[in-house]
Amino acid sequence: MWRIWKLYDPLRAMAIQGIFLFGLAAMIHLILLSTVRFNWLDGLSQTQYKAKTGTGSATPPAAPAVK
């Protein structure tokens, strides 16, 4: 392993890795923000989303009557 670090500068390698990971995280967040379902800033609430798409129940089921 030490031979690899003789070829590459560790500080530069870690800096490039950090920049790459930050860019990857930013890209994933921007992709999620561009969808209706996963936009947590300006998107629909879960109830509104379920009512709009017809998936699931928009309202919770009623409690059974107690006799």
N, C-alpha and C. Protein backbone atom coordinates (compact mmCIF):
# COMPACT_ATOMS: atom_id res chain seq x y z
N MET A 1 0.83 -1.19 0.00
CA MET A 1 0.00 0.00 0.00
C MET A 1 0.87 1.26 0.00
N TRP A 2 1.99 1.21 0.66
CA TRP A 2 2.83 2.40 0.74
C TRP A 2 3.39 2.78 -0.63
N ARG A 3 3.50 1.81 -1.53
CA ARG A 3 4.01 2.11 -2.87
C ARG A 3 3.01 2.95 -3.67
N ILE A 4 1.73 2.73 -3.41
CA ILE A 4 0.71 3.53 -4.09
C ILE A 4 0.83 4.99 -3.68
N TRP A 5 1.06 5.22 -2.37
CA TRP A 5 1.15 6.59 -1.90
C TRP A 5 2.46 7.25 -2.31
N LYS A 6 3.43 6.47 -2.77
CA LYS A 6 4.63 7.09 -3.34
C LYS A 6 4.34 7.62 -4.74
N LEU A 7 3.33 7.05 -5.40
CA LEU A 7 2.96 7.52 -6.74
C LEU A 7 2.06 8.75 -6.68
N TYR A 8 1.18 8.80 -5.68
CA TYR A 8 0.20 9.88 -5.56
C TYR A 8 0.43 10.66 -4.27
N ASP A 9 0.18 11.96 -4.36
CA ASP A 9 0.25 12.81 -3.18
C ASP A 9 -1.02 12.58 -2.35
N PRO A 10 -0.92 12.12 -1.09
CA PRO A 10 -2.12 11.82 -0.30
C PRO A 10 -3.04 13.03 -0.11
N LEU A 11 -2.48 14.20 0.10
CA LEU A 11 -3.29 15.39 0.30
C LEU A 11 -4.10 15.70 -0.96
N ARG A 12 -3.47 15.62 -2.10
CA ARG A 12 -4.17 15.88 -3.36
C ARG A 12 -5.23 14.82 -3.62
N ALA A 13 -4.92 13.56 -3.35
CA ALA A 13 -5.88 12.47 -3.56
C ALA A 13 -7.11 12.65 -2.68
N MET A 14 -6.91 13.02 -1.41
CA MET A 14 -8.06 13.22 -0.52
C MET A 14 -8.87 14.45 -0.91
N ALA A 15 -8.19 15.49 -1.38
CA ALA A 15 -8.90 16.69 -1.82
C ALA A 15 -9.76 16.38 -3.05
N ILE A 16 -9.22 15.65 -3.99
CA ILE A 16 -9.97 15.28 -5.19
C ILE A 16 -11.14 14.37 -4.82
N GLN A 17 -10.92 13.45 -3.90
CA GLN A 17 -12.00 12.56 -3.46
C GLN A 17 -13.11 13.36 -2.77
N GLY A 18 -12.74 14.33 -1.95
CA GLY A 18 -13.74 15.16 -1.28
C GLY A 18 -14.55 15.98 -2.27
N ILE A 19 -13.88 16.55 -3.26
CA ILE A 19 -14.58 17.33 -4.29
C ILE A 19 -15.52 16.43 -5.08
N PHE A 20 -15.06 15.24 -5.43
CA PHE A 20 -15.90 14.29 -6.17
C PHE A 20 -17.12 13.90 -5.35
N LEU A 21 -16.94 13.57 -4.08
CA LEU A 21 -18.07 13.15 -3.25
C LEU A 21 -19.06 14.29 -3.02
N PHE A 22 -18.56 15.51 -2.84
CA PHE A 22 -19.44 16.65 -2.70
C PHE A 22 -20.25 16.87 -3.98
N GLY A 23 -19.60 16.77 -5.13
CA GLY A 23 -20.31 16.91 -6.40
C GLY A 23 -21.35 15.83 -6.60
N LEU A 24 -21.03 14.61 -6.22
CA LEU A 24 -21.98 13.50 -6.32
C LEU A 24 -23.18 13.73 -5.43
N ALA A 25 -22.94 14.16 -4.19
CA ALA A 25 -24.05 14.43 -3.26
C ALA A 25 -24.92 15.57 -3.78
N ALA A 26 -24.31 16.62 -4.29
CA ALA A 26 -25.08 17.75 -4.83
C ALA A 26 -25.93 17.31 -6.02
N MET A 27 -25.36 16.48 -6.89
CA MET A 27 -26.10 16.00 -8.05
C MET A 27 -27.30 15.14 -7.62
N ILE A 28 -27.11 14.27 -6.66
CA ILE A 28 -28.21 13.42 -6.18
C ILE A 28 -29.31 14.29 -5.57
N HIS A 29 -28.95 15.28 -4.77
CA HIS A 29 -29.95 16.15 -4.16
C HIS A 29 -30.70 16.95 -5.21
N LEU A 30 -30.02 17.45 -6.22
CA LEU A 30 -30.69 18.21 -7.27
C LEU A 30 -31.63 17.33 -8.08
N ILE A 31 -31.24 16.09 -8.32
CA ILE A 31 -32.12 15.16 -9.03
C ILE A 31 -33.38 14.91 -8.19
N LEU A 32 -33.22 14.70 -6.89
CA LEU A 32 -34.38 14.47 -6.04
C LEU A 32 -35.27 15.70 -5.95
N LEU A 33 -34.67 16.88 -5.91
CA LEU A 33 -35.46 18.11 -5.85
C LEU A 33 -36.24 18.36 -7.13
N SER A 34 -35.82 17.76 -8.24
CA SER A 34 -36.52 17.98 -9.51
C SER A 34 -37.75 17.08 -9.65
N THR A 35 -37.96 16.15 -8.73
CA THR A 35 -39.12 15.27 -8.80
C THR A 35 -40.24 15.81 -7.91
N VAL A 36 -41.47 15.43 -8.24
CA VAL A 36 -42.62 15.88 -7.44
C VAL A 36 -42.64 15.14 -6.11
N ARG A 37 -42.34 13.86 -6.15
CA ARG A 37 -42.48 13.04 -4.95
C ARG A 37 -41.44 13.38 -3.87
N PHE A 38 -40.20 13.66 -4.28
CA PHE A 38 -39.13 13.84 -3.31
C PHE A 38 -38.67 15.27 -3.13
N ASN A 39 -39.41 16.26 -3.65
CA ASN A 39 -39.05 17.66 -3.46
C ASN A 39 -39.53 18.10 -2.09
N TRP A 40 -38.61 18.19 -1.14
CA TRP A 40 -38.98 18.52 0.24
C TRP A 40 -39.04 20.02 0.49
N LEU A 41 -38.66 20.82 -0.50
CA LEU A 41 -38.70 22.27 -0.31
C LEU A 41 -40.03 22.88 -0.77
N ASP A 42 -40.47 22.52 -1.97
CA ASP A 42 -41.67 23.15 -2.53
C ASP A 42 -42.65 22.10 -3.05
N GLY A 43 -42.50 20.88 -2.61
CA GLY A 43 -43.35 19.82 -3.13
C GLY A 43 -44.67 19.70 -2.40
N LEU A 44 -45.45 18.73 -2.83
CA LEU A 44 -46.73 18.45 -2.20
C LEU A 44 -46.49 17.71 -0.90
N SER A 45 -47.45 17.83 0.01
CA SER A 45 -47.37 17.02 1.22
C SER A 45 -47.69 15.58 0.83
N GLN A 46 -47.42 14.64 1.71
CA GLN A 46 -47.67 13.24 1.40
C GLN A 46 -49.15 13.00 1.12
N THR A 47 -50.02 13.65 1.85
CA THR A 47 -51.45 13.49 1.65
C THR A 47 -51.86 14.02 0.28
N GLN A 48 -51.35 15.19 -0.09
CA GLN A 48 -51.67 15.77 -1.40
C GLN A 48 -51.11 14.91 -2.52
N TYR A 49 -49.90 14.39 -2.32
CA TYR A 49 -49.29 13.55 -3.35
C TYR A 49 -50.09 12.28 -3.57
N LYS A 50 -50.51 11.64 -2.48
CA LYS A 50 -51.27 10.40 -2.61
C LYS A 50 -52.63 10.66 -3.25
N ALA A 51 -53.26 11.80 -2.92
CA ALA A 51 -54.54 12.13 -3.51
C ALA A 51 -54.39 12.42 -5.01
N LYS A 52 -53.29 13.07 -5.39
CA LYS A 52 -53.08 13.44 -6.79
C LYS A 52 -52.74 12.22 -7.64
N THR A 53 -51.91 11.33 -7.13
CA THR A 53 -51.45 10.19 -7.91
C THR A 53 -52.36 8.97 -7.77
N GLY A 54 -53.20 8.96 -6.76
CA GLY A 54 -54.09 7.83 -6.57
C GLY A 54 -53.42 6.63 -5.93
N THR A 55 -52.23 6.82 -5.39
CA THR A 55 -51.54 5.72 -4.73
C THR A 55 -51.84 5.77 -3.24
N GLY A 56 -52.17 4.67 -2.69
CA GLY A 56 -52.43 4.62 -1.26
C GLY A 56 -53.73 5.31 -0.92
N SER A 57 -53.95 5.49 0.33
CA SER A 57 -55.16 6.14 0.82
C SER A 57 -54.81 7.55 1.27
N ALA A 58 -55.61 8.53 0.78
CA ALA A 58 -55.33 9.92 1.16
C ALA A 58 -55.72 10.19 2.61
N THR A 59 -56.68 9.43 3.11
CA THR A 59 -57.10 9.60 4.50
C THR A 59 -56.88 8.29 5.23
N PRO A 60 -56.56 8.35 6.50
CA PRO A 60 -56.37 7.12 7.24
C PRO A 60 -57.69 6.38 7.39
N PRO A 61 -57.65 5.05 7.52
CA PRO A 61 -58.89 4.31 7.66
C PRO A 61 -59.60 4.67 8.97
N ALA A 62 -60.93 4.59 8.92
CA ALA A 62 -61.73 4.94 10.09
C ALA A 62 -61.55 3.85 11.16
N ALA A 63 -61.62 4.27 12.40
CA ALA A 63 -61.51 3.31 13.50
C ALA A 63 -62.80 2.49 13.56
N PRO A 64 -62.69 1.21 13.91
CA PRO A 64 -63.90 0.40 14.00
C PRO A 64 -64.80 0.89 15.14
N ALA A 65 -66.10 0.72 14.91
CA ALA A 65 -67.07 1.16 15.92
C ALA A 65 -67.00 0.24 17.14
N VAL A 66 -67.06 0.84 18.32
CA VAL A 66 -67.02 0.09 19.56
C VAL A 66 -68.44 -0.09 20.06
N LYS A 67 -68.82 -1.33 20.36
CA LYS A 67 -70.19 -1.60 20.86
C LYS A 67 -70.19 -1.91 22.32
